[in-house]
Amino acid sequence: MIAIFFISFWVFLMILFSFSVVRAFKEGAEQVKRLHRIPCYKCDFFTNDYRLKCTVNPYLACSEEALECIDFEPKKINKNTSRRRWEKSYEFHLSQTQLQHLNPESKN
C-alpha cells in the first residue's frame, strides 16, 4: 500500500515537472518573439556601437521599451552599414547601379 502511494506521488511530481518545463519553453518562445520585434537595428539613429547604441534614446536602445519608440527613423545607407546587410535586407531594394556606386571595385 505504501509502495503504491509513493509510486503515484512520484508520477504526480513528474507530471507537474513536465507541465512546468513545457510552460517555461512557451514563455521563452514568447520572450524571443517579443525581442525580435525590437526595431533598433533598422533605425537610422542606431550606431551599432556598444558604447552608444542610440544617439536619441541611449537608455531605451535594444530593450523592450524601444518597441514604443516615437523617434524611429528607417535606416538610410551610410558608412556604418555593411553592404552585405543591405543586400540581404528585404525592406530596401537597390538597383545594380546603386550597388556599384557603393562598391565601385566590383564589376559584373
C-alpha atoms as a PDB file:
ATOM      1  CA  MET A   1       0.000   0.000   0.000  1.00  0.00           C
ATOM      2  CA  ILE A   2       2.831   2.404   0.859  1.00  0.00           C
ATOM      3  CA  ALA A   3       4.638   1.496  -2.382  1.00  0.00           C
ATOM      4  CA  ILE A   4       1.561   2.396  -4.440  1.00  0.00           C
ATOM      5  CA  PHE A   5       1.349   5.742  -2.629  1.00  0.00           C
ATOM      6  CA  PHE A   6       4.994   6.580  -3.335  1.00  0.00           C
ATOM      7  CA  ILE A   7       4.742   5.499  -6.980  1.00  0.00           C
ATOM      8  CA  SER A   8       1.603   7.586  -7.537  1.00  0.00           C
ATOM      9  CA  PHE A   9       3.229  10.536  -5.749  1.00  0.00           C
ATOM     10  CA  TRP A  10       6.314  10.186  -7.967  1.00  0.00           C
ATOM     11  CA  VAL A  11       4.132  10.060 -11.118  1.00  0.00           C
ATOM     12  CA  PHE A  12       2.269  13.162  -9.911  1.00  0.00           C
ATOM     13  CA  LEU A  13       5.575  15.013  -9.389  1.00  0.00           C
ATOM     14  CA  MET A  14       6.804  14.003 -12.853  1.00  0.00           C
ATOM     15  CA  ILE A  15       3.579  15.285 -14.430  1.00  0.00           C
ATOM     16  CA  LEU A  16       3.951  18.614 -12.588  1.00  0.00           C
ATOM     17  CA  PHE A  17       7.596  18.832 -13.668  1.00  0.00           C
ATOM     18  CA  SER A  18       6.649  18.132 -17.301  1.00  0.00           C
ATOM     19  CA  PHE A  19       3.991  20.853 -17.250  1.00  0.00           C
ATOM     20  CA  SER A  20       6.435  23.355 -15.766  1.00  0.00           C
ATOM     21  CA  VAL A  21       9.051  22.546 -18.431  1.00  0.00           C
ATOM     22  CA  VAL A  22       6.500  22.962 -21.229  1.00  0.00           C
ATOM     23  CA  ARG A  23       5.301  26.266 -19.737  1.00  0.00           C
ATOM     24  CA  ALA A  24       8.899  27.515 -19.427  1.00  0.00           C
ATOM     25  CA  PHE A  25       9.554  26.724 -23.109  1.00  0.00           C
ATOM     26  CA  LYS A  26       6.368  28.532 -24.165  1.00  0.00           C
ATOM     27  CA  GLU A  27       7.251  31.605 -22.112  1.00  0.00           C
ATOM     28  CA  GLY A  28      10.790  31.549 -23.533  1.00  0.00           C
ATOM     29  CA  ALA A  29       9.459  31.378 -27.094  1.00  0.00           C
ATOM     30  CA  GLU A  30       7.130  34.321 -26.424  1.00  0.00           C
ATOM     31  CA  GLN A  31      10.030  36.326 -24.972  1.00  0.00           C
ATOM     32  CA  VAL A  32      12.201  35.608 -28.030  1.00  0.00           C
ATOM     33  CA  LYS A  33       9.386  36.669 -30.375  1.00  0.00           C
ATOM     34  CA  ARG A  34       8.938  39.893 -28.405  1.00  0.00           C
ATOM     35  CA  LEU A  35      12.684  40.640 -28.525  1.00  0.00           C
ATOM     36  CA  HIS A  36      12.836  40.034 -32.279  1.00  0.00           C
ATOM     37  CA  ARG A  37      10.277  42.804 -32.792  1.00  0.00           C
ATOM     38  CA  ILE A  38      12.665  45.438 -31.358  1.00  0.00           C
ATOM     39  CA  PRO A  39      13.263  47.784 -34.310  1.00  0.00           C
ATOM     40  CA  CYS A  40      16.551  49.375 -33.184  1.00  0.00           C
ATOM     41  CA  TYR A  41      18.845  47.777 -35.747  1.00  0.00           C
ATOM     42  CA  LYS A  42      16.588  49.115 -38.539  1.00  0.00           C
ATOM     43  CA  CYS A  43      16.695  52.690 -37.191  1.00  0.00           C
ATOM     44  CA  ASP A  44      18.851  55.485 -38.596  1.00  0.00           C
ATOM     45  CA  PHE A  45      19.860  56.587 -35.094  1.00  0.00           C
ATOM     46  CA  PHE A  46      21.232  53.149 -34.191  1.00  0.00           C
ATOM     47  CA  THR A  47      25.038  53.340 -34.156  1.00  0.00           C
ATOM     48  CA  ASN A  48      25.912  49.620 -33.838  1.00  0.00           C
ATOM     49  CA  ASP A  49      28.462  50.595 -31.182  1.00  0.00           C
ATOM     50  CA  TYR A  50      28.300  49.079 -27.698  1.00  0.00           C
ATOM     51  CA  ARG A  51      29.251  52.405 -26.061  1.00  0.00           C
ATOM     52  CA  LEU A  52      26.361  54.383 -27.569  1.00  0.00           C
ATOM     53  CA  LYS A  53      23.731  52.230 -29.207  1.00  0.00           C
ATOM     54  CA  CYS A  54      21.296  55.037 -29.998  1.00  0.00           C
ATOM     55  CA  THR A  55      22.027  58.731 -30.326  1.00  0.00           C
ATOM     56  CA  VAL A  56      18.480  59.802 -29.413  1.00  0.00           C
ATOM     57  CA  ASN A  57      17.409  57.337 -26.698  1.00  0.00           C
ATOM     58  CA  PRO A  58      20.534  55.572 -25.401  1.00  0.00           C
ATOM     59  CA  TYR A  59      18.782  54.116 -22.344  1.00  0.00           C
ATOM     60  CA  LEU A  60      15.930  52.626 -24.362  1.00  0.00           C
ATOM     61  CA  ALA A  61      18.014  51.178 -27.185  1.00  0.00           C
ATOM     62  CA  CYS A  62      17.751  47.427 -27.723  1.00  0.00           C
ATOM     63  CA  SER A  63      15.284  46.980 -24.861  1.00  0.00           C
ATOM     64  CA  GLU A  64      11.587  46.155 -24.764  1.00  0.00           C
ATOM     65  CA  GLU A  65      10.806  49.830 -24.165  1.00  0.00           C
ATOM     66  CA  ALA A  66      12.165  50.505 -27.663  1.00  0.00           C
ATOM     67  CA  LEU A  67       9.076  48.832 -29.131  1.00  0.00           C
ATOM     68  CA  GLU A  68       7.196  52.068 -28.400  1.00  0.00           C
ATOM     69  CA  CYS A  69       9.956  54.419 -29.648  1.00  0.00           C
ATOM     70  CA  ILE A  70       8.481  57.549 -31.218  1.00  0.00           C
ATOM     71  CA  ASP A  71      11.840  58.645 -32.680  1.00  0.00           C
ATOM     72  CA  PHE A  72      12.200  55.662 -35.020  1.00  0.00           C
ATOM     73  CA  GLU A  73      13.509  56.595 -38.475  1.00  0.00           C
ATOM     74  CA  PRO A  74      14.070  53.942 -41.158  1.00  0.00           C
ATOM     75  CA  LYS A  75      17.762  53.416 -41.773  1.00  0.00           C
ATOM     76  CA  LYS A  76      19.442  55.103 -44.708  1.00  0.00           C
ATOM     77  CA  ILE A  77      22.641  53.853 -46.319  1.00  0.00           C
ATOM     78  CA  ASN A  78      25.698  55.216 -44.539  1.00  0.00           C
ATOM     79  CA  LYS A  79      29.251  54.259 -43.669  1.00  0.00           C
ATOM     80  CA  ASN A  80      28.252  52.277 -40.553  1.00  0.00           C
ATOM     81  CA  THR A  81      26.081  49.885 -42.540  1.00  0.00           C
ATOM     82  CA  SER A  82      27.761  46.937 -44.197  1.00  0.00           C
ATOM     83  CA  ARG A  83      26.977  46.256 -47.835  1.00  0.00           C
ATOM     84  CA  ARG A  84      26.125  42.625 -47.096  1.00  0.00           C
ATOM     85  CA  ARG A  85      23.411  43.634 -44.612  1.00  0.00           C
ATOM     86  CA  TRP A  86      21.853  45.965 -47.169  1.00  0.00           C
ATOM     87  CA  GLU A  87      21.885  43.355 -49.904  1.00  0.00           C
ATOM     88  CA  LYS A  88      20.107  40.891 -47.599  1.00  0.00           C
ATOM     89  CA  SER A  89      17.600  43.463 -46.411  1.00  0.00           C
ATOM     90  CA  TYR A  90      14.054  42.866 -47.601  1.00  0.00           C
ATOM     91  CA  GLU A  91      12.954  46.452 -46.976  1.00  0.00           C
ATOM     92  CA  PHE A  92      15.426  48.204 -49.266  1.00  0.00           C
ATOM     93  CA  HIS A  93      15.833  47.065 -52.840  1.00  0.00           C
ATOM     94  CA  LEU A  94      18.746  48.743 -54.537  1.00  0.00           C
ATOM     95  CA  SER A  95      19.368  48.668 -58.237  1.00  0.00           C
ATOM     96  CA  GLN A  96      22.631  47.299 -59.597  1.00  0.00           C
ATOM     97  CA  THR A  97      23.874  50.786 -60.470  1.00  0.00           C
ATOM     98  CA  GLN A  98      23.332  51.946 -56.906  1.00  0.00           C
ATOM     99  CA  LEU A  99      25.185  48.893 -55.589  1.00  0.00           C
ATOM    100  CA  GLN A 100      28.080  49.522 -57.993  1.00  0.00           C
ATOM    101  CA  HIS A 101      28.162  53.136 -56.828  1.00  0.00           C
ATOM    102  CA  LEU A 102      28.562  51.899 -53.238  1.00  0.00           C
ATOM    103  CA  ASN A 103      31.311  49.443 -54.153  1.00  0.00           C
ATOM    104  CA  PRO A 104      32.998  50.637 -57.373  1.00  0.00           C
ATOM    105  CA  GLU A 105      35.725  47.940 -57.402  1.00  0.00           C
ATOM    106  CA  SER A 106      33.187  45.150 -58.013  1.00  0.00           C
ATOM    107  CA  LYS A 107      32.317  44.827 -61.700  1.00  0.00           C
ATOM    108  CA  ASN A 108      29.717  42.414 -63.131  1.00  0.00           C
END
